[in-house]
N, C-alpha and C. Protein backbone atom coordinates (compact mmCIF):
# COMPACT_ATOMS: atom_id res chain seq x y z
N MET A 1 65.94 89.56 115.96
CA MET A 1 65.67 90.42 117.10
C MET A 1 64.51 91.35 116.75
N ASP A 2 63.73 91.66 117.74
CA ASP A 2 62.60 92.57 117.58
C ASP A 2 63.11 93.96 117.17
N LYS A 3 62.54 94.50 116.11
CA LYS A 3 62.99 95.81 115.61
C LYS A 3 62.73 96.92 116.63
N PHE A 4 61.65 96.81 117.41
CA PHE A 4 61.37 97.80 118.46
C PHE A 4 62.50 97.82 119.47
N VAL A 5 62.94 96.64 119.90
CA VAL A 5 64.03 96.54 120.87
C VAL A 5 65.30 97.13 120.28
N ALA A 6 65.59 96.81 119.03
CA ALA A 6 66.80 97.34 118.39
C ALA A 6 66.74 98.86 118.31
N ARG A 7 65.57 99.43 117.94
CA ARG A 7 65.44 100.90 117.87
C ARG A 7 65.65 101.53 119.25
N GLU A 8 65.10 100.93 120.29
CA GLU A 8 65.27 101.45 121.64
C GLU A 8 66.72 101.34 122.08
N ASN A 9 67.38 100.25 121.73
CA ASN A 9 68.80 100.10 122.06
C ASN A 9 69.64 101.16 121.35
N VAL A 10 69.29 101.46 120.10
CA VAL A 10 70.00 102.50 119.35
C VAL A 10 69.85 103.84 120.07
N ARG A 11 68.64 104.18 120.46
CA ARG A 11 68.42 105.44 121.19
C ARG A 11 69.24 105.50 122.48
N HIS A 12 69.22 104.40 123.22
CA HIS A 12 69.95 104.33 124.48
C HIS A 12 71.46 104.49 124.26
N LEU A 13 72.01 103.79 123.28
CA LEU A 13 73.44 103.88 123.00
C LEU A 13 73.83 105.27 122.53
N ARG A 14 72.99 105.90 121.72
CA ARG A 14 73.29 107.26 121.27
C ARG A 14 73.33 108.22 122.45
N ARG A 15 72.40 108.07 123.38
CA ARG A 15 72.41 108.94 124.57
C ARG A 15 73.69 108.74 125.37
N GLN A 16 74.12 107.50 125.52
CA GLN A 16 75.36 107.24 126.25
C GLN A 16 76.55 107.87 125.54
N LEU A 17 76.59 107.78 124.23
CA LEU A 17 77.69 108.36 123.48
C LEU A 17 77.69 109.88 123.52
N GLU A 18 76.49 110.48 123.55
CA GLU A 18 76.39 111.94 123.55
C GLU A 18 77.05 112.57 124.78
N SER A 19 77.11 111.83 125.87
CA SER A 19 77.70 112.39 127.09
C SER A 19 79.23 112.29 127.09
N GLY A 20 79.79 111.65 126.07
CA GLY A 20 81.25 111.51 125.99
C GLY A 20 81.68 110.25 126.72
N ALA A 21 82.64 109.56 126.16
CA ALA A 21 83.12 108.32 126.76
C ALA A 21 84.60 108.17 126.45
N ASP A 22 85.33 107.55 127.39
CA ASP A 22 86.74 107.33 127.14
C ASP A 22 86.89 106.35 125.98
N THR A 23 88.08 106.26 125.45
CA THR A 23 88.32 105.52 124.21
C THR A 23 87.87 104.06 124.26
N PRO A 24 88.22 103.29 125.29
CA PRO A 24 87.77 101.88 125.28
C PRO A 24 86.24 101.75 125.37
N ARG A 25 85.62 102.53 126.22
CA ARG A 25 84.16 102.47 126.36
C ARG A 25 83.49 102.96 125.07
N ARG A 26 84.03 104.01 124.49
CA ARG A 26 83.48 104.56 123.24
C ARG A 26 83.52 103.51 122.14
N ALA A 27 84.62 102.78 122.04
CA ALA A 27 84.74 101.74 121.02
C ALA A 27 83.69 100.65 121.23
N THR A 28 83.46 100.28 122.47
CA THR A 28 82.45 99.27 122.77
C THR A 28 81.06 99.78 122.44
N LEU A 29 80.75 101.01 122.83
CA LEU A 29 79.43 101.58 122.55
C LEU A 29 79.18 101.70 121.06
N LEU A 30 80.19 102.11 120.31
CA LEU A 30 80.05 102.24 118.86
C LEU A 30 79.84 100.87 118.20
N ARG A 31 80.57 99.86 118.68
CA ARG A 31 80.39 98.50 118.14
C ARG A 31 78.96 98.02 118.41
N LEU A 32 78.47 98.23 119.63
CA LEU A 32 77.11 97.84 119.96
C LEU A 32 76.08 98.62 119.14
N LEU A 33 76.35 99.91 118.93
CA LEU A 33 75.44 100.73 118.13
C LEU A 33 75.32 100.18 116.71
N ILE A 34 76.43 99.85 116.09
CA ILE A 34 76.40 99.32 114.73
C ILE A 34 75.70 97.96 114.70
N GLU A 35 75.93 97.14 115.70
CA GLU A 35 75.23 95.85 115.75
C GLU A 35 73.72 96.05 115.79
N GLN A 36 73.28 97.01 116.60
CA GLN A 36 71.84 97.27 116.70
C GLN A 36 71.30 97.87 115.39
N LEU A 37 72.06 98.76 114.79
CA LEU A 37 71.63 99.33 113.51
C LEU A 37 71.56 98.24 112.44
N ASN A 38 72.51 97.31 112.47
CA ASN A 38 72.48 96.20 111.51
C ASN A 38 71.27 95.31 111.72
N ASP A 39 70.85 95.15 112.99
CA ASP A 39 69.66 94.35 113.28
C ASP A 39 68.41 94.95 112.65
N LEU A 40 68.44 96.26 112.41
CA LEU A 40 67.30 96.91 111.78
C LEU A 40 67.26 96.64 110.28
N GLY A 41 68.39 96.22 109.72
CA GLY A 41 68.44 95.92 108.29
C GLY A 41 68.60 97.18 107.46
N PRO A 42 69.21 97.05 106.28
CA PRO A 42 69.42 98.23 105.43
C PRO A 42 68.11 98.66 104.77
N THR A 43 67.69 99.86 105.10
CA THR A 43 66.48 100.41 104.49
C THR A 43 66.75 101.84 104.05
N ARG A 44 65.93 102.31 103.14
CA ARG A 44 66.04 103.71 102.70
C ARG A 44 65.79 104.65 103.88
N GLU A 45 64.88 104.27 104.76
CA GLU A 45 64.58 105.07 105.95
C GLU A 45 65.81 105.19 106.85
N GLN A 46 66.53 104.08 107.04
CA GLN A 46 67.73 104.13 107.86
C GLN A 46 68.79 105.02 107.20
N LEU A 47 68.90 104.96 105.89
CA LEU A 47 69.83 105.82 105.17
C LEU A 47 69.47 107.30 105.35
N ASP A 48 68.19 107.62 105.24
CA ASP A 48 67.73 108.99 105.45
C ASP A 48 68.00 109.45 106.88
N ASN A 49 67.76 108.57 107.85
CA ASN A 49 68.01 108.91 109.25
C ASN A 49 69.50 109.18 109.48
N LEU A 50 70.35 108.35 108.89
CA LEU A 50 71.78 108.57 109.02
C LEU A 50 72.20 109.90 108.41
N ASP A 51 71.63 110.25 107.27
CA ASP A 51 71.92 111.55 106.66
C ASP A 51 71.58 112.69 107.62
N ARG A 52 70.43 112.58 108.26
CA ARG A 52 70.03 113.62 109.23
C ARG A 52 70.98 113.65 110.43
N HIS A 53 71.33 112.47 110.94
CA HIS A 53 72.25 112.41 112.08
C HIS A 53 73.62 112.96 111.72
N ILE A 54 74.10 112.64 110.53
CA ILE A 54 75.41 113.13 110.10
C ILE A 54 75.40 114.66 109.98
N ALA A 55 74.35 115.21 109.39
CA ALA A 55 74.26 116.67 109.25
C ALA A 55 74.20 117.34 110.62
N ARG A 56 73.36 116.81 111.50
CA ARG A 56 73.21 117.40 112.84
C ARG A 56 74.51 117.26 113.63
N LEU A 57 75.15 116.11 113.53
CA LEU A 57 76.39 115.90 114.25
C LEU A 57 77.48 116.86 113.76
N GLY A 58 77.51 117.14 112.47
CA GLY A 58 78.46 118.11 111.94
C GLY A 58 78.28 119.48 112.57
N GLU A 59 77.01 119.90 112.73
CA GLU A 59 76.72 121.17 113.39
C GLU A 59 77.18 121.16 114.84
N LEU A 60 76.88 120.07 115.54
CA LEU A 60 77.27 119.96 116.95
C LEU A 60 78.79 119.94 117.11
N MET A 61 79.48 119.27 116.18
CA MET A 61 80.93 119.23 116.25
C MET A 61 81.55 120.61 116.07
N ALA A 62 80.99 121.40 115.18
CA ALA A 62 81.51 122.76 114.98
C ALA A 62 81.36 123.57 116.26
N ARG A 63 80.19 123.45 116.90
CA ARG A 63 79.99 124.18 118.16
C ARG A 63 80.90 123.66 119.27
N GLN A 64 81.06 122.34 119.31
CA GLN A 64 81.92 121.76 120.34
C GLN A 64 83.37 122.19 120.14
N ALA A 65 83.83 122.28 118.91
CA ALA A 65 85.20 122.73 118.63
C ALA A 65 85.38 124.17 119.12
N GLU A 66 84.36 125.00 118.96
CA GLU A 66 84.42 126.37 119.48
C GLU A 66 84.52 126.37 121.00
N LEU A 67 83.78 125.47 121.65
CA LEU A 67 83.86 125.36 123.10
C LEU A 67 85.25 124.95 123.55
N VAL A 68 85.84 123.98 122.87
CA VAL A 68 87.18 123.51 123.23
C VAL A 68 88.16 124.67 123.13
N ASP A 69 88.06 125.44 122.05
CA ASP A 69 88.97 126.58 121.87
C ASP A 69 88.77 127.64 122.93
N GLY A 70 87.54 127.76 123.44
CA GLY A 70 87.25 128.81 124.42
C GLY A 70 87.62 128.47 125.84
N PHE A 71 87.86 127.21 126.16
CA PHE A 71 88.18 126.83 127.53
C PHE A 71 89.64 127.10 127.85
N GLY A 72 89.84 127.69 129.01
CA GLY A 72 91.20 127.97 129.46
C GLY A 72 91.69 126.95 130.47
N GLY A 73 90.80 126.47 131.34
CA GLY A 73 91.20 125.53 132.38
C GLY A 73 91.38 124.13 131.84
N ASP A 74 92.23 123.37 132.52
CA ASP A 74 92.52 122.01 132.07
C ASP A 74 91.32 121.07 132.20
N GLN A 75 90.62 121.14 133.33
CA GLN A 75 89.52 120.21 133.59
C GLN A 75 88.36 120.40 132.61
N PRO A 76 87.81 121.61 132.47
CA PRO A 76 86.70 121.78 131.52
C PRO A 76 87.14 121.50 130.08
N ARG A 77 88.36 121.87 129.74
CA ARG A 77 88.84 121.66 128.38
C ARG A 77 88.98 120.16 128.09
N ALA A 78 89.48 119.41 129.05
CA ALA A 78 89.64 117.96 128.86
C ALA A 78 88.29 117.30 128.63
N ARG A 79 87.28 117.71 129.36
CA ARG A 79 85.94 117.15 129.19
C ARG A 79 85.38 117.51 127.82
N ALA A 80 85.57 118.77 127.42
CA ALA A 80 85.08 119.21 126.10
C ALA A 80 85.81 118.47 124.99
N GLU A 81 87.10 118.22 125.15
CA GLU A 81 87.86 117.47 124.15
C GLU A 81 87.40 116.02 124.08
N LEU A 82 87.04 115.43 125.23
CA LEU A 82 86.53 114.07 125.25
C LEU A 82 85.22 113.97 124.48
N VAL A 83 84.34 114.94 124.69
CA VAL A 83 83.06 114.95 123.98
C VAL A 83 83.30 115.13 122.48
N LEU A 84 84.22 116.01 122.11
CA LEU A 84 84.53 116.21 120.69
C LEU A 84 85.13 114.95 120.06
N ALA A 85 86.01 114.28 120.78
CA ALA A 85 86.59 113.03 120.27
C ALA A 85 85.51 111.97 120.07
N THR A 86 84.56 111.91 121.00
CA THR A 86 83.45 110.98 120.87
C THR A 86 82.63 111.31 119.63
N MET A 87 82.33 112.60 119.45
CA MET A 87 81.56 113.02 118.27
C MET A 87 82.29 112.66 116.99
N ASN A 88 83.60 112.84 116.98
CA ASN A 88 84.39 112.51 115.80
C ASN A 88 84.30 111.02 115.48
N ASP A 89 84.40 110.18 116.50
CA ASP A 89 84.30 108.74 116.29
C ASP A 89 82.90 108.34 115.83
N ILE A 90 81.89 108.98 116.39
CA ILE A 90 80.51 108.70 115.97
C ILE A 90 80.35 109.07 114.50
N MET A 91 80.87 110.22 114.11
CA MET A 91 80.76 110.68 112.72
C MET A 91 81.41 109.66 111.78
N ALA A 92 82.61 109.23 112.11
CA ALA A 92 83.31 108.25 111.26
C ALA A 92 82.51 106.95 111.17
N THR A 93 81.94 106.54 112.29
CA THR A 93 81.14 105.31 112.31
C THR A 93 79.89 105.46 111.47
N TYR A 94 79.21 106.59 111.61
CA TYR A 94 77.99 106.85 110.83
C TYR A 94 78.29 106.87 109.33
N ILE A 95 79.36 107.53 108.95
CA ILE A 95 79.70 107.62 107.52
C ILE A 95 80.00 106.24 106.97
N ASP A 96 80.77 105.45 107.71
CA ASP A 96 81.08 104.10 107.27
C ASP A 96 79.82 103.25 107.17
N HIS A 97 78.96 103.34 108.18
CA HIS A 97 77.72 102.57 108.18
C HIS A 97 76.80 103.02 107.04
N ARG A 98 76.78 104.32 106.78
CA ARG A 98 75.96 104.84 105.68
C ARG A 98 76.42 104.26 104.35
N GLN A 99 77.74 104.20 104.16
CA GLN A 99 78.28 103.63 102.92
C GLN A 99 77.89 102.16 102.78
N ASN A 100 77.92 101.43 103.89
CA ASN A 100 77.54 100.01 103.86
C ASN A 100 76.06 99.85 103.51
N ILE A 101 75.21 100.68 104.08
CA ILE A 101 73.77 100.61 103.79
C ILE A 101 73.51 100.97 102.33
N ALA A 102 74.14 102.03 101.87
CA ALA A 102 73.95 102.45 100.47
C ALA A 102 74.38 101.33 99.53
N ALA A 103 75.49 100.67 99.83
CA ALA A 103 75.96 99.57 98.97
C ALA A 103 74.99 98.40 99.02
N ALA A 104 74.47 98.08 100.20
CA ALA A 104 73.52 96.97 100.33
C ALA A 104 72.23 97.27 99.58
N LEU A 105 71.78 98.51 99.66
CA LEU A 105 70.55 98.89 98.95
C LEU A 105 70.78 98.87 97.44
N ALA A 106 71.96 99.31 97.01
CA ALA A 106 72.26 99.30 95.56
C ALA A 106 72.34 97.86 95.05
N ASP A 107 72.93 96.97 95.84
CA ASP A 107 73.01 95.57 95.44
C ASP A 107 71.63 94.92 95.37
N GLY A 108 70.76 95.34 96.29
CA GLY A 108 69.41 94.79 96.33
C GLY A 108 68.53 95.26 95.18
N SER A 109 68.88 96.39 94.58
CA SER A 109 68.06 96.94 93.50
C SER A 109 68.45 96.38 92.13
N ARG A 110 69.53 95.65 92.08
CA ARG A 110 69.99 95.10 90.80
C ARG A 110 69.28 93.83 90.45
C-alpha cells in the first residue's frame, strides 16, 4: 500500500477516535488504525511519533479525567466518560504497538 495513503488514513482514524466512539466502533477504529500503522512498517520515526502521541495523550487524559469529575449532569458526564474511555483504549493500543515496533527494530538490528 502507498505510504502516503496509509499516513492519511492514520490521520483520519485518529480524528475519528478523538471525538469519542462507542465500544464496538472504537474497537473497529483501533483495529483499522493498527493495520494502517503496520502498513507504514516499523521505523525509528514511527517509534518516536508514538512516544510523542503517548506523552500528549497522557496529558489529555489527565485533563479529561478532571472534566469527568467536574460534570454534575448525566448527559455531559456520559459524553466525557465516553471520550475518556476512548483515550484509554487508544493509550493501551499505542503502548502495545510501540512495544511491537521496538521489538521488530531490535530484531532487525541483530
